[in-house]
Amino acid sequence: MRVFLALLTAGLLATSPVLWASETAAQQPKQVQGEVKSVDPAKKMVTLNDGTMLMVSDDAKLKELKPGTKIKASYDEKGGQKVTTSIEVVK
């Protein structure tokens, strides 16, 4: 019984870093770059030419975006939506 518990404990300790690393990777914001196709201020939504839809919570940044503007954005997926964590205009 002691050998079994020792092996079980060793196995759990060996896999813990792998589980932690995969959780950390899943929490990393994703990035996208593209050209704005349309802006919907009422829904706080920006659509890029490739069809990617981003929710922009920063009202000041949203007002700055117009069709044709090139952007680079980081986002998290929440409730099936891509919610920006940062967004910048690319020249």
N, C-alpha and C. Protein backbone atom coordinates (compact mmCIF):
# COMPACT_ATOMS: atom_id res chain seq x y z
N MET A 1 0.83 -1.19 0.00
CA MET A 1 0.00 0.00 0.00
C MET A 1 0.88 1.26 0.00
N ARG A 2 1.95 1.25 0.79
CA ARG A 2 2.84 2.41 0.84
C ARG A 2 3.51 2.64 -0.51
N VAL A 3 3.88 1.56 -1.16
CA VAL A 3 4.51 1.68 -2.48
C VAL A 3 3.53 2.30 -3.47
N PHE A 4 2.29 1.85 -3.43
CA PHE A 4 1.25 2.39 -4.31
C PHE A 4 1.07 3.89 -4.10
N LEU A 5 0.98 4.30 -2.83
CA LEU A 5 0.80 5.73 -2.52
C LEU A 5 2.02 6.54 -2.95
N ALA A 6 3.20 5.97 -2.77
CA ALA A 6 4.42 6.67 -3.18
C ALA A 6 4.43 6.86 -4.70
N LEU A 7 4.06 5.82 -5.45
CA LEU A 7 4.03 5.92 -6.90
C LEU A 7 2.95 6.89 -7.36
N LEU A 8 1.80 6.87 -6.72
CA LEU A 8 0.72 7.78 -7.05
C LEU A 8 1.14 9.23 -6.82
N THR A 9 1.76 9.49 -5.69
CA THR A 9 2.23 10.84 -5.36
C THR A 9 3.28 11.30 -6.36
N ALA A 10 4.22 10.42 -6.69
CA ALA A 10 5.28 10.77 -7.65
C ALA A 10 4.67 11.08 -9.01
N GLY A 11 3.68 10.32 -9.42
CA GLY A 11 3.03 10.56 -10.70
C GLY A 11 2.30 11.89 -10.74
N LEU A 12 1.62 12.23 -9.67
CA LEU A 12 0.92 13.51 -9.61
C LEU A 12 1.89 14.68 -9.63
N LEU A 13 2.99 14.56 -8.90
CA LEU A 13 4.00 15.62 -8.89
C LEU A 13 4.65 15.78 -10.25
N ALA A 14 4.85 14.68 -10.95
CA ALA A 14 5.49 14.74 -12.26
C ALA A 14 4.59 15.41 -13.30
N THR A 15 3.28 15.25 -13.20
CA THR A 15 2.38 15.84 -14.20
C THR A 15 1.93 17.25 -13.83
N SER A 16 2.13 17.68 -12.62
CA SER A 16 1.67 19.02 -12.20
C SER A 16 2.24 20.14 -13.05
N PRO A 17 3.56 20.15 -13.36
CA PRO A 17 4.08 21.24 -14.21
C PRO A 17 3.45 21.26 -15.59
N VAL A 18 3.13 20.10 -16.15
CA VAL A 18 2.51 20.05 -17.46
C VAL A 18 1.11 20.66 -17.40
N LEU A 19 0.34 20.32 -16.40
CA LEU A 19 -1.00 20.89 -16.24
C LEU A 19 -0.93 22.38 -16.02
N TRP A 20 0.01 22.84 -15.21
CA TRP A 20 0.15 24.26 -14.93
C TRP A 20 0.54 25.01 -16.20
N ALA A 21 1.45 24.45 -16.98
CA ALA A 21 1.90 25.11 -18.21
C ALA A 21 0.75 25.22 -19.21
N SER A 22 -0.07 24.20 -19.33
CA SER A 22 -1.18 24.27 -20.29
C SER A 22 -2.23 25.28 -19.83
N GLU A 23 -2.47 25.41 -18.53
CA GLU A 23 -3.41 26.41 -18.03
C GLU A 23 -2.88 27.80 -18.30
N THR A 24 -1.57 28.01 -18.07
CA THR A 24 -0.96 29.31 -18.29
C THR A 24 -1.03 29.69 -19.76
N ALA A 25 -0.76 28.73 -20.65
CA ALA A 25 -0.82 29.02 -22.08
C ALA A 25 -2.23 29.38 -22.50
N ALA A 26 -3.23 28.75 -21.92
CA ALA A 26 -4.62 29.03 -22.28
C ALA A 26 -5.03 30.43 -21.84
N GLN A 27 -4.36 30.98 -20.83
CA GLN A 27 -4.72 32.30 -20.32
C GLN A 27 -4.01 33.42 -21.08
N GLN A 28 -3.06 33.09 -21.94
CA GLN A 28 -2.33 34.11 -22.69
C GLN A 28 -3.27 34.76 -23.71
N PRO A 29 -3.23 36.10 -23.81
CA PRO A 29 -4.08 36.74 -24.80
C PRO A 29 -3.63 36.37 -26.22
N LYS A 30 -4.57 36.25 -27.12
CA LYS A 30 -4.28 35.97 -28.52
C LYS A 30 -4.12 37.30 -29.23
N GLN A 31 -3.49 37.27 -30.40
CA GLN A 31 -3.26 38.51 -31.14
C GLN A 31 -3.80 38.39 -32.55
N VAL A 32 -4.20 39.51 -33.09
CA VAL A 32 -4.68 39.59 -34.46
C VAL A 32 -4.24 40.93 -35.04
N GLN A 33 -4.01 40.93 -36.33
CA GLN A 33 -3.63 42.16 -37.02
C GLN A 33 -4.43 42.21 -38.31
N GLY A 34 -4.93 43.37 -38.66
CA GLY A 34 -5.70 43.48 -39.89
C GLY A 34 -6.24 44.87 -40.12
N GLU A 35 -7.09 44.96 -41.13
CA GLU A 35 -7.69 46.24 -41.51
C GLU A 35 -9.16 46.25 -41.12
N VAL A 36 -9.59 47.37 -40.53
CA VAL A 36 -10.97 47.51 -40.09
C VAL A 36 -11.89 47.59 -41.31
N LYS A 37 -12.90 46.73 -41.32
CA LYS A 37 -13.91 46.74 -42.38
C LYS A 37 -15.10 47.60 -41.95
N SER A 38 -15.53 47.40 -40.67
CA SER A 38 -16.66 48.19 -40.17
C SER A 38 -16.57 48.35 -38.66
N VAL A 39 -17.27 49.38 -38.17
CA VAL A 39 -17.32 49.67 -36.74
C VAL A 39 -18.79 49.84 -36.35
N ASP A 40 -19.20 49.15 -35.29
CA ASP A 40 -20.56 49.27 -34.77
C ASP A 40 -20.46 49.81 -33.34
N PRO A 41 -20.54 51.15 -33.17
CA PRO A 41 -20.38 51.75 -31.84
C PRO A 41 -21.44 51.27 -30.84
N ALA A 42 -22.66 51.02 -31.30
CA ALA A 42 -23.73 50.58 -30.39
C ALA A 42 -23.40 49.24 -29.75
N LYS A 43 -22.80 48.35 -30.52
CA LYS A 43 -22.44 47.02 -30.00
C LYS A 43 -20.99 46.95 -29.55
N LYS A 44 -20.26 48.07 -29.72
CA LYS A 44 -18.83 48.13 -29.39
C LYS A 44 -18.05 47.05 -30.14
N MET A 45 -18.41 46.85 -31.41
CA MET A 45 -17.86 45.77 -32.21
C MET A 45 -17.13 46.32 -33.42
N VAL A 46 -15.96 45.75 -33.68
CA VAL A 46 -15.17 46.08 -34.86
C VAL A 46 -15.03 44.80 -35.67
N THR A 47 -15.26 44.90 -36.97
CA THR A 47 -15.08 43.76 -37.86
C THR A 47 -13.90 44.05 -38.77
N LEU A 48 -13.00 43.08 -38.87
CA LEU A 48 -11.84 43.22 -39.75
C LEU A 48 -12.17 42.65 -41.13
N ASN A 49 -11.34 42.97 -42.12
CA ASN A 49 -11.58 42.50 -43.48
C ASN A 49 -11.63 40.99 -43.59
N ASP A 50 -10.94 40.27 -42.69
CA ASP A 50 -10.95 38.80 -42.75
C ASP A 50 -12.17 38.20 -42.05
N GLY A 51 -13.06 39.06 -41.53
CA GLY A 51 -14.27 38.59 -40.85
C GLY A 51 -14.15 38.49 -39.34
N THR A 52 -12.95 38.68 -38.80
CA THR A 52 -12.76 38.64 -37.36
C THR A 52 -13.55 39.77 -36.70
N MET A 53 -14.31 39.42 -35.67
CA MET A 53 -15.09 40.41 -34.93
C MET A 53 -14.50 40.58 -33.54
N LEU A 54 -14.22 41.81 -33.18
CA LEU A 54 -13.62 42.13 -31.88
C LEU A 54 -14.54 43.07 -31.10
N MET A 55 -14.73 42.76 -29.82
CA MET A 55 -15.47 43.68 -28.94
C MET A 55 -14.44 44.60 -28.30
N VAL A 56 -14.66 45.90 -28.43
CA VAL A 56 -13.74 46.91 -27.91
C VAL A 56 -14.42 47.65 -26.76
N SER A 57 -13.89 47.45 -25.55
CA SER A 57 -14.53 48.08 -24.39
C SER A 57 -14.05 49.51 -24.15
N ASP A 58 -12.94 49.90 -24.76
CA ASP A 58 -12.38 51.24 -24.60
C ASP A 58 -13.07 52.19 -25.59
N ASP A 59 -14.01 53.01 -25.08
CA ASP A 59 -14.79 53.91 -25.94
C ASP A 59 -13.92 54.89 -26.71
N ALA A 60 -12.88 55.41 -26.08
CA ALA A 60 -12.01 56.37 -26.74
C ALA A 60 -11.30 55.71 -27.92
N LYS A 61 -10.85 54.49 -27.74
CA LYS A 61 -10.17 53.77 -28.81
C LYS A 61 -11.16 53.41 -29.92
N LEU A 62 -12.38 53.06 -29.54
CA LEU A 62 -13.40 52.71 -30.52
C LEU A 62 -13.71 53.89 -31.44
N LYS A 63 -13.77 55.10 -30.89
CA LYS A 63 -14.06 56.30 -31.69
C LYS A 63 -12.94 56.59 -32.69
N GLU A 64 -11.74 56.12 -32.38
CA GLU A 64 -10.57 56.35 -33.22
C GLU A 64 -10.55 55.43 -34.44
N LEU A 65 -11.29 54.33 -34.40
CA LEU A 65 -11.25 53.33 -35.46
C LEU A 65 -12.28 53.62 -36.55
N LYS A 66 -11.82 53.59 -37.78
CA LYS A 66 -12.66 53.82 -38.95
C LYS A 66 -12.35 52.74 -39.97
N PRO A 67 -13.27 52.48 -40.91
CA PRO A 67 -12.97 51.52 -41.98
C PRO A 67 -11.68 51.93 -42.70
N GLY A 68 -10.83 50.93 -42.93
CA GLY A 68 -9.54 51.19 -43.58
C GLY A 68 -8.38 51.32 -42.61
N THR A 69 -8.68 51.55 -41.32
CA THR A 69 -7.64 51.67 -40.31
C THR A 69 -6.99 50.31 -40.09
N LYS A 70 -5.66 50.28 -40.08
CA LYS A 70 -4.94 49.04 -39.79
C LYS A 70 -4.66 48.97 -38.30
N ILE A 71 -4.96 47.81 -37.70
CA ILE A 71 -4.80 47.66 -36.26
C ILE A 71 -4.06 46.38 -35.91
N LYS A 72 -3.56 46.38 -34.69
CA LYS A 72 -2.98 45.19 -34.07
C LYS A 72 -3.64 45.11 -32.70
N ALA A 73 -4.22 43.95 -32.37
CA ALA A 73 -4.97 43.83 -31.12
C ALA A 73 -4.64 42.53 -30.41
N SER A 74 -4.70 42.59 -29.09
CA SER A 74 -4.64 41.40 -28.24
C SER A 74 -6.03 41.22 -27.68
N TYR A 75 -6.44 39.96 -27.51
CA TYR A 75 -7.79 39.71 -27.01
C TYR A 75 -7.86 38.42 -26.22
N ASP A 76 -8.88 38.34 -25.38
CA ASP A 76 -9.24 37.13 -24.66
C ASP A 76 -10.60 36.69 -25.18
N GLU A 77 -10.82 35.39 -25.21
CA GLU A 77 -12.14 34.89 -25.59
C GLU A 77 -12.98 34.72 -24.34
N LYS A 78 -14.11 35.43 -24.32
CA LYS A 78 -15.04 35.39 -23.17
C LYS A 78 -16.45 35.23 -23.70
N GLY A 79 -17.11 34.17 -23.27
CA GLY A 79 -18.49 33.95 -23.69
C GLY A 79 -18.64 33.85 -25.20
N GLY A 80 -17.64 33.31 -25.88
CA GLY A 80 -17.71 33.15 -27.33
C GLY A 80 -17.35 34.40 -28.11
N GLN A 81 -16.95 35.48 -27.41
CA GLN A 81 -16.58 36.72 -28.09
C GLN A 81 -15.10 37.00 -27.88
N LYS A 82 -14.52 37.68 -28.84
CA LYS A 82 -13.12 38.12 -28.73
C LYS A 82 -13.15 39.53 -28.14
N VAL A 83 -12.73 39.64 -26.87
CA VAL A 83 -12.76 40.91 -26.16
C VAL A 83 -11.34 41.46 -26.11
N THR A 84 -11.15 42.65 -26.66
CA THR A 84 -9.80 43.21 -26.73
C THR A 84 -9.25 43.55 -25.34
N THR A 85 -7.97 43.24 -25.16
CA THR A 85 -7.26 43.65 -23.96
C THR A 85 -6.34 44.82 -24.28
N SER A 86 -5.95 44.92 -25.56
CA SER A 86 -5.22 46.08 -26.04
C SER A 86 -5.44 46.18 -27.54
N ILE A 87 -5.40 47.41 -28.03
CA ILE A 87 -5.59 47.63 -29.46
C ILE A 87 -4.81 48.86 -29.85
N GLU A 88 -4.08 48.77 -30.96
CA GLU A 88 -3.30 49.93 -31.40
C GLU A 88 -3.41 50.07 -32.90
N VAL A 89 -3.35 51.31 -33.35
CA VAL A 89 -3.37 51.62 -34.76
C VAL A 89 -1.96 51.42 -35.30
N VAL A 90 -1.87 50.70 -36.44
CA VAL A 90 -0.59 50.42 -37.08
C VAL A 90 -0.50 51.30 -38.31
N LYS A 91 0.63 51.95 -38.49
CA LYS A 91 0.82 52.84 -39.63
C LYS A 91 1.48 52.13 -40.77
